[in-house]
Amino acid sequence: MTPLARLRRLWLDAHLWIGAGLLVVLAPLGVTGSILVWHDQIDHALYAQRYATSGPAASQPVETYATAAQAAFGARAQLTQLRLPMRPGDPVVAVGRMAGAPGVGGRPRTLNAWIDPPTARVLDTAEIAQQGTMIIHRLHGTLLIPSSGNGPGLGRQVVGWLGWAMFVSSATGLWLWWPRHGGFLKGLRWRRGASTLFNLHHFVGFWVCLPLAVLSLTGVYISFPQTSHALFGAPPPQQRPQGPGRNAPPLAKTQMSVGQAVALAQAQTPGVVTELNTPTQGKDPAWRISIRPGAGAPRTVQIVDATGQVKPSRERPAGGGERVADPTSKLMRQVHDGTDMGVVWQTIITVVGVMPLLLGVTGVVMWLRRRARKRAIRHGIA
């Protein structure tokens, strides 16, 4: 056997064992990824009542929304966050912390309320962590492997290594697809062999291998952010604070009202409130209020609940959240999930996400048929 033939045999074995051995986990990752590309559209279709707003403007005071949310939560949860609409026509979203045992991954259980911006009428309440789309999110991101502590978790790391496996499968598949006799254009023909499955596997595999490799590598980047930033020479992402303060419960009773806290924040930084977080237990509990001053980026103003002292404001990434987004991470996520990438790329990655299931099944059937033919030949010789 020549060195090139031995190398081809090595690539074939790697391609086979990745496809057959990891089919049971790679296929769900791909299918769930295809579904999540259309997460917003699915959410609007399944829960249309949450988005049935009566107008585009959030014309009520922030305190009115907070009062309506707490009334809807009742004794089930205590208000911890209020997010004002980022786009006209979106609802106000309130989040409350539920009492009792923690939820998935040791995180506190939360209850959401969707509120009509013009009227402050509560449109719906739900614990979204228990709903189908969020379960699909966890399946795609962690394979439902529970995490412990504050780190990325075992499930996220497993998914990252599976991304590497998918990339190797794409690279070896392209090597095996390449015609051994004839030019590149010969490989684009539908009929590469006598079997329809063989032709289907080669034809589909070629057209999806490059976008599948891109999705695999962007998934690896997301699963291992610290390592990925180091490899790309970018500064590491700013993480959420670790330790007990991260999930500290809210104060049972605050010294000032929502209206008072908002008034102090807007006196410090005039503008439109985009998000409000209530004080949590710990040292110097403070309100955190995000304000957009005109056309600039939102800034967070912290108001100490006990004294009304205004802490220095700081810029926040658009859309809220505690992490400071960097351009590379944002691009990787956009490419991976199709956000703001246009319907063409969203359609491509939707189709590509289903292909590992098709390629895995056709590959396994081809392998079983080849084994059966070899057995028949051996028995014939005997």
Protein backbone atom coordinates (compact mmCIF):
# COMPACT_ATOMS: atom_id res chain seq x y z
CA MET A 1 0.00 0.00 0.00
CA THR A 2 1.41 3.38 -1.01
CA PRO A 3 1.82 6.22 1.54
CA LEU A 4 -1.01 8.15 -0.13
CA ALA A 5 -3.27 5.11 0.09
CA ARG A 6 -2.40 4.64 3.77
CA LEU A 7 -3.16 8.31 4.42
CA ARG A 8 -6.47 8.00 2.62
CA ARG A 9 -7.28 4.94 4.71
CA LEU A 10 -6.49 6.90 7.88
CA TRP A 11 -8.77 9.75 6.82
CA LEU A 12 -11.50 7.25 5.94
CA ASP A 13 -11.28 5.62 9.38
CA ALA A 14 -11.35 9.01 11.14
CA HIS A 15 -14.29 10.15 9.03
CA LEU A 16 -16.16 6.90 9.60
CA TRP A 17 -15.71 6.69 13.35
CA ILE A 18 -16.58 10.35 13.91
CA GLY A 19 -19.70 10.07 11.77
CA ALA A 20 -20.87 6.71 13.10
CA GLY A 21 -19.63 6.96 16.67
CA LEU A 22 -20.85 10.50 17.35
CA LEU A 23 -24.02 10.47 15.24
CA VAL A 24 -26.24 10.22 18.31
CA VAL A 25 -24.90 13.55 19.66
CA LEU A 26 -23.85 15.42 16.50
CA ALA A 27 -27.26 15.02 14.86
CA PRO A 28 -29.18 16.65 17.77
CA LEU A 29 -26.68 19.51 17.88
CA GLY A 30 -27.22 20.20 14.18
CA VAL A 31 -31.01 19.89 14.23
CA THR A 32 -31.42 22.06 17.32
CA GLY A 33 -29.11 24.65 15.76
CA SER A 34 -31.35 24.77 12.69
CA ILE A 35 -34.39 25.33 14.89
CA LEU A 36 -32.73 28.08 16.94
CA VAL A 37 -31.93 30.11 13.82
CA TRP A 38 -35.66 30.95 13.81
CA HIS A 39 -36.02 31.23 17.59
CA ASP A 40 -37.72 34.64 17.54
CA GLN A 41 -40.18 33.66 14.82
CA ILE A 42 -41.04 30.41 16.63
CA ASP A 43 -41.45 32.23 19.93
CA HIS A 44 -43.80 34.79 18.37
CA ALA A 45 -45.85 32.00 16.75
CA LEU A 46 -46.14 29.86 19.89
CA TYR A 47 -46.73 32.71 22.34
CA ALA A 48 -48.43 35.37 20.24
CA GLN A 49 -50.24 36.81 23.27
CA ARG A 50 -46.92 38.04 24.71
CA TYR A 51 -46.30 40.27 21.71
CA ALA A 52 -49.85 41.54 21.15
CA THR A 53 -48.97 45.11 22.17
CA SER A 54 -51.44 47.93 21.60
CA GLY A 55 -48.86 50.45 20.42
CA PRO A 56 -45.15 51.15 19.92
CA ALA A 57 -44.40 53.64 22.69
CA ALA A 58 -43.49 52.88 26.33
CA SER A 59 -45.47 55.85 27.61
CA GLN A 60 -45.97 54.79 31.24
CA PRO A 61 -43.55 55.59 34.09
CA VAL A 62 -41.07 52.83 34.91
CA GLU A 63 -42.62 52.48 38.36
CA THR A 64 -45.99 51.68 36.79
CA TYR A 65 -44.51 48.73 34.89
CA ALA A 66 -42.75 47.50 38.04
CA THR A 67 -45.98 47.65 40.05
CA ALA A 68 -47.90 45.78 37.34
CA ALA A 69 -45.21 43.09 37.13
CA GLN A 70 -45.07 42.52 40.89
CA ALA A 71 -48.86 42.31 41.03
CA ALA A 72 -48.76 39.63 38.31
CA PHE A 73 -46.01 37.72 40.11
CA GLY A 74 -47.85 37.79 43.43
CA ALA A 75 -46.23 35.56 46.01
CA ARG A 76 -44.56 33.42 43.35
CA ALA A 77 -41.63 35.76 42.64
CA GLN A 78 -40.04 39.08 43.57
CA LEU A 79 -39.19 41.59 40.85
CA THR A 80 -35.46 41.76 40.08
CA GLN A 81 -35.25 43.24 36.59
CA LEU A 82 -37.26 45.36 34.18
CA ARG A 83 -36.26 45.63 30.49
CA LEU A 84 -37.83 48.39 28.42
CA PRO A 85 -38.43 47.78 24.67
CA MET A 86 -35.39 48.01 22.39
CA ARG A 87 -37.62 48.23 19.29
CA PRO A 88 -41.00 49.92 18.80
CA GLY A 89 -43.83 47.47 19.38
CA ASP A 90 -41.88 45.10 21.64
CA PRO A 91 -43.29 44.45 25.11
CA VAL A 92 -41.75 45.48 28.40
CA VAL A 93 -40.21 42.37 29.99
CA ALA A 94 -40.04 41.94 33.76
CA VAL A 95 -38.08 39.21 35.53
CA GLY A 96 -38.75 38.00 39.06
CA ARG A 97 -36.79 35.62 41.26
CA MET A 98 -38.78 32.64 42.49
CA ALA A 99 -38.42 31.29 45.99
CA GLY A 100 -37.40 27.72 46.70
CA ALA A 101 -34.82 25.35 45.29
CA PRO A 102 -32.60 26.56 42.41
CA GLY A 103 -33.23 25.55 38.85
CA VAL A 104 -31.04 24.20 36.04
CA GLY A 105 -27.32 24.41 36.76
CA GLY A 106 -27.89 25.77 40.26
CA ARG A 107 -29.20 29.06 38.93
CA PRO A 108 -32.17 30.75 40.61
CA ARG A 109 -35.54 30.05 39.06
CA THR A 110 -37.10 33.08 37.43
CA LEU A 111 -40.57 34.11 36.33
CA ASN A 112 -41.09 36.46 33.38
CA ALA A 113 -43.90 38.89 32.69
CA TRP A 114 -44.61 40.55 29.35
CA ILE A 115 -46.26 43.98 29.66
CA ASP A 116 -48.03 46.17 27.10
CA PRO A 117 -45.94 49.41 26.82
CA PRO A 118 -48.79 51.93 26.28
CA THR A 119 -51.14 50.56 28.98
CA ALA A 120 -48.93 48.60 31.45
CA ARG A 121 -51.34 45.67 31.10
CA VAL A 122 -49.70 42.30 31.76
CA LEU A 123 -49.95 40.18 28.60
CA ASP A 124 -48.54 36.90 29.93
CA THR A 125 -46.40 35.32 32.66
CA ALA A 126 -44.29 32.18 32.39
CA GLU A 127 -41.19 30.42 33.68
CA ILE A 128 -39.38 30.35 30.35
CA ALA A 129 -36.66 27.95 31.52
CA GLN A 130 -39.30 25.21 31.44
CA GLN A 131 -40.54 25.98 27.93
CA GLY A 132 -39.63 24.19 24.73
CA THR A 133 -37.42 26.82 23.09
CA MET A 134 -35.23 27.19 26.19
CA ILE A 135 -34.87 23.42 26.52
CA ILE A 136 -33.71 23.36 22.89
CA HIS A 137 -31.23 26.13 23.75
CA ARG A 138 -29.79 24.06 26.61
CA LEU A 139 -29.69 20.92 24.47
CA HIS A 140 -27.75 22.76 21.76
CA GLY A 141 -25.40 24.53 24.16
CA THR A 142 -24.77 21.86 26.80
CA LEU A 143 -26.49 18.62 25.69
CA LEU A 144 -28.50 19.05 28.92
CA ILE A 145 -25.41 18.11 30.94
CA PRO A 146 -25.83 19.91 34.29
CA SER A 147 -23.15 22.39 35.28
CA SER A 148 -21.71 23.03 38.72
CA GLY A 149 -20.15 26.23 39.99
CA ASN A 150 -19.81 29.48 38.06
CA GLY A 151 -17.65 28.27 35.16
CA PRO A 152 -18.77 27.41 31.64
CA GLY A 153 -19.68 23.89 32.74
CA LEU A 154 -18.88 20.41 31.52
CA GLY A 155 -21.70 20.42 28.99
CA ARG A 156 -20.38 23.51 27.21
CA GLN A 157 -16.90 21.99 27.02
CA VAL A 158 -18.26 18.70 25.64
CA VAL A 159 -20.11 20.64 22.93
CA GLY A 160 -16.87 22.49 22.14
CA TRP A 161 -14.95 19.25 21.62
CA LEU A 162 -17.80 17.92 19.49
CA GLY A 163 -17.37 21.06 17.38
CA TRP A 164 -13.75 20.08 16.79
CA ALA A 165 -14.91 16.57 15.85
CA MET A 166 -17.39 18.02 13.36
CA PHE A 167 -14.66 20.17 11.83
CA VAL A 168 -12.36 17.14 11.43
CA SER A 169 -15.24 15.24 9.85
CA SER A 170 -15.79 18.08 7.36
CA ALA A 171 -12.09 18.30 6.48
CA THR A 172 -11.66 14.53 6.06
CA GLY A 173 -14.89 14.37 4.09
CA LEU A 174 -13.61 16.95 1.63
CA TRP A 175 -10.36 14.97 1.26
CA LEU A 176 -12.27 11.75 0.60
CA TRP A 177 -14.64 13.48 -1.83
CA TRP A 178 -11.79 14.77 -3.99
CA PRO A 179 -11.59 12.66 -7.18
CA ARG A 180 -8.53 10.42 -7.29
CA HIS A 181 -8.67 10.25 -11.07
CA GLY A 182 -9.76 13.30 -13.03
CA GLY A 183 -10.20 16.96 -12.25
CA PHE A 184 -12.25 18.91 -9.75
CA LEU A 185 -15.26 19.24 -12.05
CA LYS A 186 -15.51 15.47 -12.28
CA GLY A 187 -16.24 15.36 -8.58
CA LEU A 188 -19.26 17.64 -8.97
CA ARG A 189 -21.13 15.03 -10.98
CA TRP A 190 -24.07 13.35 -9.29
CA ARG A 191 -23.11 9.84 -10.35
CA ARG A 192 -19.89 9.00 -8.53
CA GLY A 193 -20.81 5.36 -7.98
CA ALA A 194 -23.46 2.70 -8.53
CA SER A 195 -25.27 3.33 -5.22
CA THR A 196 -27.77 6.15 -4.80
CA LEU A 197 -26.75 6.48 -1.14
CA PHE A 198 -23.09 6.77 -2.16
CA ASN A 199 -23.90 9.51 -4.66
CA LEU A 200 -26.16 11.33 -2.19
CA HIS A 201 -23.50 11.23 0.54
CA HIS A 202 -20.77 12.60 -1.72
CA PHE A 203 -22.93 15.22 -3.43
CA VAL A 204 -24.49 16.65 -0.26
CA GLY A 205 -21.26 16.32 1.72
CA PHE A 206 -19.33 18.50 -0.71
CA TRP A 207 -21.85 21.34 -0.76
CA VAL A 208 -22.23 21.53 3.01
CA CYS A 209 -18.68 20.80 4.18
CA LEU A 210 -17.46 24.41 4.08
CA PRO A 211 -20.43 26.05 5.87
CA LEU A 212 -20.48 23.10 8.29
CA ALA A 213 -16.80 23.70 9.05
CA VAL A 214 -17.54 27.40 9.66
CA LEU A 215 -20.38 26.58 12.05
CA SER A 216 -18.17 24.05 13.84
CA LEU A 217 -15.31 26.49 14.38
CA THR A 218 -17.58 29.33 15.50
CA GLY A 219 -19.20 26.89 17.94
CA VAL A 220 -15.76 25.98 19.28
CA TYR A 221 -14.95 29.67 19.71
CA ILE A 222 -18.15 30.22 21.70
CA SER A 223 -17.59 27.12 23.86
CA PHE A 224 -13.99 28.03 24.76
CA PRO A 225 -14.02 31.88 24.88
CA GLN A 226 -10.86 32.32 26.96
CA THR A 227 -8.75 29.95 24.85
CA SER A 228 -10.19 31.34 21.61
CA HIS A 229 -9.37 34.91 22.58
CA ALA A 230 -5.80 33.89 23.42
CA LEU A 231 -5.36 32.16 20.06
CA PHE A 232 -6.69 35.20 18.19
CA GLY A 233 -4.58 37.60 20.27
CA ALA A 234 -7.66 39.44 21.53
CA PRO A 235 -8.17 40.59 25.13
CA PRO A 236 -10.15 38.08 27.20
CA PRO A 237 -13.86 38.80 27.60
CA GLN A 238 -14.92 40.49 30.80
CA GLN A 239 -16.77 37.90 32.82
CA ARG A 240 -19.62 38.22 35.24
CA PRO A 241 -18.46 38.53 38.82
CA GLN A 242 -17.93 35.14 40.43
CA GLY A 243 -18.86 34.00 43.90
CA PRO A 244 -22.05 34.19 45.96
CA GLY A 245 -22.81 37.81 45.01
CA ARG A 246 -23.54 36.85 41.43
CA ASN A 247 -26.79 35.07 42.33
CA ALA A 248 -27.50 36.97 45.53
CA PRO A 249 -31.23 37.23 46.32
CA PRO A 250 -32.97 40.60 46.09
CA LEU A 251 -33.58 42.71 49.16
CA ALA A 252 -36.82 41.73 50.82
CA LYS A 253 -37.69 45.41 51.24
CA THR A 254 -35.90 48.38 49.66
CA GLN A 255 -35.42 51.77 51.30
CA MET A 256 -36.46 53.71 48.23
CA SER A 257 -39.09 53.12 45.58
CA VAL A 258 -38.53 52.39 41.90
CA GLY A 259 -39.63 55.94 41.06
CA GLN A 260 -37.16 57.51 43.49
CA ALA A 261 -34.27 55.40 42.19
CA VAL A 262 -35.11 56.25 38.56
CA ALA A 263 -35.37 59.96 39.37
CA LEU A 264 -31.93 59.99 41.00
CA ALA A 265 -30.41 58.07 38.07
CA GLN A 266 -31.92 60.39 35.46
CA ALA A 267 -30.76 63.43 37.39
CA GLN A 268 -27.23 62.02 37.13
CA THR A 269 -27.55 60.89 33.50
CA PRO A 270 -30.52 62.38 31.59
CA GLY A 271 -32.00 60.02 29.04
CA VAL A 272 -34.37 57.11 28.50
CA VAL A 273 -34.32 54.17 30.92
CA THR A 274 -33.65 50.90 29.09
CA GLU A 275 -33.20 48.53 32.03
CA LEU A 276 -33.63 48.48 35.80
CA ASN A 277 -32.17 45.98 38.27
CA THR A 278 -33.31 45.98 41.89
CA PRO A 279 -30.80 45.86 44.79
CA THR A 280 -29.49 42.47 45.92
CA GLN A 281 -28.31 41.40 49.35
CA GLY A 282 -24.67 42.14 50.17
CA LYS A 283 -22.47 45.13 50.83
CA ASP A 284 -24.07 48.48 49.92
CA PRO A 285 -27.05 47.10 47.95
CA ALA A 286 -27.63 49.36 44.95
CA TRP A 287 -30.10 49.88 42.15
CA ARG A 288 -28.55 49.46 38.71
CA ILE A 289 -30.32 51.50 36.08
CA SER A 290 -29.27 51.59 32.44
CA ILE A 291 -30.00 54.85 30.63
CA ARG A 292 -29.56 55.74 26.98
CA PRO A 293 -28.54 59.43 26.74
CA GLY A 294 -29.81 60.50 23.34
CA ALA A 295 -28.10 58.58 20.52
CA GLY A 296 -25.19 57.37 22.64
CA ALA A 297 -24.56 53.97 24.17
CA PRO A 298 -26.46 53.03 27.35
CA ARG A 299 -24.76 53.87 30.64
CA THR A 300 -25.38 52.20 33.98
CA VAL A 301 -25.98 54.36 37.02
CA GLN A 302 -25.81 52.74 40.46
CA ILE A 303 -27.86 54.18 43.30
CA VAL A 304 -27.08 52.94 46.82
CA ASP A 305 -30.46 51.97 48.26
CA ALA A 306 -29.80 52.98 51.86
CA THR A 307 -28.27 56.41 51.24
CA GLY A 308 -29.26 57.45 47.72
CA GLN A 309 -25.57 57.91 46.89
CA VAL A 310 -24.90 57.88 43.16
CA LYS A 311 -21.94 55.74 42.17
CA PRO A 312 -19.92 56.56 39.04
CA SER A 313 -21.68 55.55 35.84
CA ARG A 314 -20.19 53.17 33.33
CA GLU A 315 -20.92 52.25 29.72
CA ARG A 316 -22.81 49.09 28.97
CA PRO A 317 -23.05 47.00 25.81
CA ALA A 318 -26.13 47.62 23.73
CA GLY A 319 -28.96 45.33 24.75
CA GLY A 320 -28.00 45.13 28.41
CA GLY A 321 -26.31 42.25 30.14
CA GLU A 322 -23.24 42.04 32.31
CA ARG A 323 -20.68 40.90 29.78
CA VAL A 324 -18.70 43.42 27.79
CA ALA A 325 -19.04 42.29 24.20
CA ASP A 326 -16.05 42.46 21.87
CA PRO A 327 -16.35 42.65 18.07
CA THR A 328 -14.83 39.19 17.47
CA SER A 329 -17.18 37.40 19.87
CA LYS A 330 -20.16 39.28 18.46
CA LEU A 331 -19.21 38.31 14.90
CA MET A 332 -18.69 34.66 15.86
CA ARG A 333 -22.13 34.50 17.46
CA GLN A 334 -23.76 36.23 14.51
CA VAL A 335 -22.20 33.80 12.04
CA HIS A 336 -23.06 30.82 14.24
CA ASP A 337 -26.72 31.60 14.91
CA GLY A 338 -27.50 33.85 11.94
CA THR A 339 -28.46 36.93 13.97
CA ASP A 340 -28.57 40.02 11.73
CA MET A 341 -26.90 38.04 8.93
CA GLY A 342 -29.79 38.09 6.47
CA VAL A 343 -32.23 35.46 5.32
CA VAL A 344 -29.79 33.89 2.81
CA TRP A 345 -27.22 32.91 5.46
CA GLN A 346 -29.99 31.92 7.88
CA THR A 347 -31.44 29.59 5.26
CA ILE A 348 -28.01 28.12 4.50
CA ILE A 349 -27.21 27.30 8.13
CA THR A 350 -30.74 25.95 8.66
CA VAL A 351 -30.21 23.44 5.85
CA VAL A 352 -26.63 22.69 6.89
CA GLY A 353 -27.72 21.98 10.47
CA VAL A 354 -29.91 19.09 9.34
CA MET A 355 -27.23 17.59 7.10
CA PRO A 356 -25.16 15.80 9.83
CA LEU A 357 -28.20 13.58 10.40
CA LEU A 358 -28.53 12.79 6.68
CA LEU A 359 -24.79 12.28 6.19
CA GLY A 360 -24.48 10.20 9.35
CA VAL A 361 -27.32 7.87 8.41
CA THR A 362 -26.17 7.43 4.78
CA GLY A 363 -22.58 6.91 5.96
CA VAL A 364 -23.55 4.23 8.46
CA VAL A 365 -25.69 2.41 5.88
CA MET A 366 -22.81 2.53 3.36
CA TRP A 367 -20.44 1.12 5.98
CA LEU A 368 -22.83 -1.71 6.89
CA ARG A 369 -23.31 -2.58 3.24
CA ARG A 370 -19.54 -2.65 2.69
CA ARG A 371 -19.08 -4.96 5.67
CA ALA A 372 -21.81 -7.24 4.32
CA ARG A 373 -20.12 -7.41 0.90
CA LYS A 374 -16.76 -8.27 2.50
CA ARG A 375 -18.34 -11.06 4.53
CA ALA A 376 -20.03 -12.43 1.42
CA ILE A 377 -16.70 -12.40 -0.46
CA ARG A 378 -14.90 -14.21 2.39
CA HIS A 379 -17.61 -16.85 2.60
CA GLY A 380 -17.53 -17.31 -1.17
CA ILE A 381 -13.79 -17.85 -1.10
CA ALA A 382 -14.11 -20.32 1.77
